[in-house]
Amino acid sequence: MDLKPGKLILFFGLFCFAISVVLVYVLFFVLEEYQNGGLLSVLLMFVGFFSIGSYLTLHYYRYRIIIGDKSMIIKNEIGTKKEIYWTDIDKVDYNKTFNMIVVLSNKKKKWISPIYGQIVDFIEPKKYSENLKQLIK
């Protein structure tokens, strides 16, 4: 089974790219007053929208969670893989502050977004923490 992000992430990433193109246009052709922080604010908005668009587009095309019989493989945006065997999972927790599912395996934490919450179905319920049990109910 292959879990991947939804199309909404791609659309939002492309929308952020479009805003960054508009900001480049504003920077070169519209902005006349460079004093009072105009240049700096347009540059910061460009960097922000461009980086959000880059991350979300990369996330859509490269992030995968591959669920197998013995393990799950998590491929992140930059291409690194992490394999977590089902037998090595010590505990599955939910962090309310960051709204993330935390898988503890071999004393290492792997943070997973709740949009991939289907992975919890493949883990034994006795390994769930109290926070995760409250979230599931």
Protein backbone atom coordinates (compact mmCIF):
# COMPACT_ATOMS: atom_id res chain seq x y z
CA MET A 1 0.00 0.00 0.00
CA ASP A 2 1.32 3.41 -0.93
CA LEU A 3 0.19 6.49 1.02
CA LYS A 4 0.78 9.82 -0.67
CA PRO A 5 -0.43 13.41 -0.21
CA GLY A 6 -3.64 14.71 -1.76
CA LYS A 7 -3.94 17.03 -4.74
CA LEU A 8 -4.85 19.96 -2.48
CA ILE A 9 -1.22 20.14 -1.34
CA LEU A 10 -0.07 20.39 -4.96
CA PHE A 11 -2.65 23.07 -5.77
CA PHE A 12 -1.69 25.16 -2.74
CA GLY A 13 2.01 24.81 -3.63
CA LEU A 14 1.38 25.96 -7.20
CA PHE A 15 -0.74 28.83 -5.86
CA CYS A 16 2.19 29.95 -3.68
CA PHE A 17 4.49 29.75 -6.73
CA ALA A 18 2.05 31.96 -8.66
CA ILE A 19 2.04 34.53 -5.85
CA SER A 20 5.85 34.53 -5.84
CA VAL A 21 5.85 35.25 -9.61
CA VAL A 22 3.47 38.16 -9.03
CA LEU A 23 5.79 39.44 -6.30
CA VAL A 24 8.75 39.32 -8.72
CA TYR A 25 6.69 41.40 -11.14
CA VAL A 26 5.89 43.87 -8.34
CA LEU A 27 9.54 43.98 -7.35
CA PHE A 28 10.84 44.84 -10.81
CA PHE A 29 8.03 46.80 -12.45
CA VAL A 30 5.65 48.26 -9.85
CA LEU A 31 7.67 49.10 -6.76
CA GLU A 32 8.94 52.66 -7.09
CA GLU A 33 9.61 53.62 -3.50
CA TYR A 34 12.42 51.57 -1.98
CA GLN A 35 12.44 53.48 1.29
CA ASN A 36 10.23 52.74 4.30
CA GLY A 37 10.77 48.98 4.03
CA GLY A 38 8.95 48.46 0.73
CA LEU A 39 11.76 46.53 -0.89
CA LEU A 40 12.44 44.45 2.20
CA SER A 41 8.80 43.51 2.72
CA VAL A 42 8.33 42.45 -0.92
CA LEU A 43 11.56 40.44 -0.80
CA LEU A 44 10.54 38.70 2.42
CA MET A 45 7.09 37.87 1.02
CA PHE A 46 8.73 36.50 -2.15
CA VAL A 47 11.09 34.29 -0.15
CA GLY A 48 8.24 33.08 2.05
CA PHE A 49 5.84 32.21 -0.76
CA PHE A 50 8.57 30.68 -2.92
CA SER A 51 9.82 28.44 -0.08
CA ILE A 52 6.28 27.35 0.87
CA GLY A 53 5.52 26.59 -2.78
CA SER A 54 8.77 24.65 -3.19
CA TYR A 55 8.22 22.58 -0.06
CA LEU A 56 4.61 21.71 -0.83
CA THR A 57 5.33 20.81 -4.44
CA LEU A 58 8.28 18.63 -3.41
CA HIS A 59 6.12 17.07 -0.70
CA TYR A 60 3.46 16.15 -3.22
CA TYR A 61 5.84 14.60 -5.74
CA ARG A 62 8.39 12.90 -3.47
CA TYR A 63 6.89 12.12 -0.02
CA ARG A 64 5.59 8.55 0.28
CA ILE A 65 4.78 6.07 3.01
CA ILE A 66 4.99 2.54 1.65
CA ILE A 67 3.27 -0.01 3.86
CA GLY A 68 4.49 -3.60 3.54
CA ASP A 69 3.96 -6.85 5.36
CA LYS A 70 6.99 -6.49 7.64
CA SER A 71 7.68 -2.75 7.66
CA MET A 72 6.81 0.70 6.47
CA ILE A 73 9.20 2.81 4.43
CA ILE A 74 8.99 6.58 4.71
CA LYS A 75 10.51 8.56 1.83
CA ASN A 76 10.82 12.25 2.57
CA GLU A 77 10.99 15.29 0.28
CA ILE A 78 14.75 15.21 -0.22
CA GLY A 79 14.85 11.52 -1.08
CA THR A 80 16.06 9.87 2.13
CA LYS A 81 14.36 6.66 3.20
CA LYS A 82 13.64 5.39 6.68
CA GLU A 83 12.40 1.85 7.20
CA ILE A 84 10.53 1.02 10.38
CA TYR A 85 9.77 -2.62 11.08
CA TRP A 86 6.42 -3.36 12.72
CA THR A 87 8.13 -5.52 15.36
CA ASP A 88 10.54 -2.71 16.32
CA ILE A 89 7.83 -0.17 17.14
CA ASP A 90 7.81 0.49 20.88
CA LYS A 91 5.04 3.06 21.13
CA VAL A 92 2.84 5.29 18.97
CA ASP A 93 1.99 8.66 20.49
CA TYR A 94 0.16 11.80 19.47
CA ASN A 95 1.70 15.22 20.11
CA LYS A 96 -1.08 17.76 20.67
CA THR A 97 1.23 20.76 20.47
CA PHE A 98 2.49 20.06 16.94
CA ASN A 99 -0.54 17.96 15.86
CA MET A 100 1.69 15.06 14.79
CA ILE A 101 1.74 11.29 15.21
CA VAL A 102 5.00 10.16 16.81
CA VAL A 103 6.28 6.62 16.18
CA LEU A 104 8.95 5.49 18.66
CA SER A 105 11.12 2.74 17.21
CA ASN A 106 14.52 1.65 18.56
CA LYS A 107 14.57 4.73 20.84
CA LYS A 108 14.21 7.05 17.84
CA LYS A 109 11.21 9.22 17.04
CA LYS A 110 9.66 9.58 13.62
CA TRP A 111 7.10 12.38 13.26
CA ILE A 112 4.27 11.73 10.82
CA SER A 113 1.51 14.11 9.80
CA PRO A 114 -2.03 13.10 10.82
CA ILE A 115 -3.12 13.22 7.16
CA TYR A 116 -1.38 9.84 6.96
CA GLY A 117 -3.34 8.54 9.93
CA GLN A 118 -4.04 5.23 8.16
CA ILE A 119 -0.67 3.96 9.38
CA VAL A 120 -2.17 3.61 12.85
CA ASP A 121 -4.44 0.83 11.53
CA PHE A 122 -1.37 -1.32 10.77
CA ILE A 123 0.13 -1.02 14.28
CA GLU A 124 -0.97 -3.16 17.19
CA PRO A 125 -3.43 -1.27 19.44
CA LYS A 126 -1.53 -2.24 22.60
CA LYS A 127 1.30 0.09 21.47
CA TYR A 128 -0.98 3.16 21.37
CA SER A 129 -0.46 5.88 23.97
CA GLU A 130 -3.34 7.43 25.91
CA ASN A 131 -3.21 10.59 23.76
CA LEU A 132 -3.57 8.54 20.59
CA LYS A 133 -6.40 6.44 22.05
CA GLN A 134 -8.31 9.63 22.90
CA LEU A 135 -7.76 10.95 19.38
CA ILE A 136 -9.02 7.75 17.75
CA LYS A 137 -12.23 7.59 19.83
